Structures are given as C-alpha cells and as structure tokens.
Protein backbone atom coordinates (compact mmCIF):
# COMPACT_ATOMS: atom_id res chain seq x y z
CA MET A 1 0.26 0.05 0.00
CA ILE A 2 1.30 3.43 -0.83
CA VAL A 3 -0.37 6.60 0.85
CA TYR A 4 0.28 10.24 -0.32
CA ASN A 5 -0.55 13.19 2.08
CA VAL A 6 -0.72 16.10 -0.05
CA SER A 7 -0.65 19.75 1.75
CA VAL A 8 -1.91 22.35 -0.41
CA GLN A 9 -1.76 26.00 0.22
CA VAL A 10 -4.14 27.51 -2.29
CA LYS A 11 -4.01 31.24 -3.49
CA GLU A 12 -6.93 33.43 -1.87
CA GLY A 13 -9.84 33.87 -4.19
CA PHE A 14 -9.35 30.28 -5.81
CA GLU A 15 -10.59 28.06 -3.07
CA GLU A 16 -13.54 27.35 -5.62
CA ASP A 17 -11.34 26.63 -8.56
CA PHE A 18 -9.44 24.55 -6.69
CA ARG A 19 -12.63 22.71 -5.28
CA ILE A 20 -14.16 22.09 -8.53
CA ALA A 21 -10.58 20.69 -10.01
CA THR A 22 -10.11 18.06 -7.22
CA ARG A 23 -13.31 16.82 -7.42
CA LYS A 24 -12.81 16.43 -10.63
CA ASN A 25 -9.70 14.52 -10.13
CA HIS A 26 -11.32 12.70 -7.18
CA VAL A 27 -13.95 11.17 -9.28
CA GLU A 28 -11.70 9.92 -11.93
CA THR A 29 -9.28 8.33 -9.70
CA ARG A 30 -11.77 6.66 -7.48
CA LYS A 31 -12.46 4.71 -10.83
CA GLU A 32 -8.74 3.13 -10.80
CA LYS A 33 -8.73 -0.22 -9.63
CA GLY A 34 -5.45 0.65 -7.87
CA ASN A 35 -6.87 3.52 -5.92
CA LEU A 36 -7.75 2.45 -2.50
CA ARG A 37 -8.93 5.96 -1.09
CA PHE A 38 -8.72 9.44 -1.97
CA ASP A 39 -10.00 12.12 0.53
CA VAL A 40 -10.32 15.97 -0.04
CA LEU A 41 -10.25 18.02 3.28
CA GLN A 42 -10.35 21.73 3.77
CA SER A 43 -8.91 23.48 7.01
CA GLU A 44 -12.02 25.45 8.74
CA ALA A 45 -9.03 27.79 10.01
CA ASP A 46 -7.44 28.44 7.14
CA PRO A 47 -9.65 27.94 3.72
CA CYS A 48 -6.98 28.03 1.23
CA HIS A 49 -5.73 25.12 3.02
CA PHE A 50 -6.10 21.49 1.72
CA VAL A 51 -4.89 18.07 2.02
CA LEU A 52 -5.65 15.43 -0.16
CA TYR A 53 -5.03 12.18 1.49
CA GLU A 54 -4.77 9.25 -1.43
CA VAL A 55 -4.32 5.42 -0.95
CA TYR A 56 -2.68 3.09 -3.86
CA ARG A 57 -2.65 -0.75 -4.01
CA SER A 58 1.25 -0.28 -5.51
CA GLU A 59 3.58 1.32 -7.36
CA GLU A 60 2.45 0.41 -9.94
CA ALA A 61 -1.22 1.59 -9.52
CA VAL A 62 0.80 4.81 -8.91
CA ALA A 63 2.19 4.66 -11.88
CA ALA A 64 -0.74 4.37 -13.65
CA HIS A 65 -2.78 6.99 -11.68
CA LYS A 66 0.21 9.07 -13.17
CA ALA A 67 -0.47 8.36 -16.67
CA THR A 68 -3.76 9.69 -16.83
CA SER A 69 -4.80 12.61 -17.91
CA HIS A 70 -7.10 13.79 -14.95
C-alpha cells in the first residue's frame, strides 16, 4: 500500500476553482482499480489550506494514476 498526504496552499480567491478541479480528479481517480482511497480535506481555520489523502494498492497503481489525464 502506498499513501500520499499532500498539503496544498491555494491562493486566496481560488478556493472554489481548486475544489472544482480537485473534485473532477477525485471522481476519476476513484474509478482506478488500484486506488483505494482519495480524500479531500479543507481546513476550517484556513480555507485556503487543503490536504489530499490518497491511497494506492501498489507502485504500479501509482504509475498508472500518474499516466492519466486527470
């Protein structure tokens, strides 16, 4: 199992754009056979701060994900 915990600081005013783009990525990533989990978290204290928590079955699944357009 491979886990990524990605911290993203979005420029103020672009939070909704980021949410929309990330939602599309989330939906498509969850369709991948090797993806086990994809959570998108937004800080209540700092709405510009997001955390992406991604879990993949293997390194091969990560490579397949990185080869996608989303």
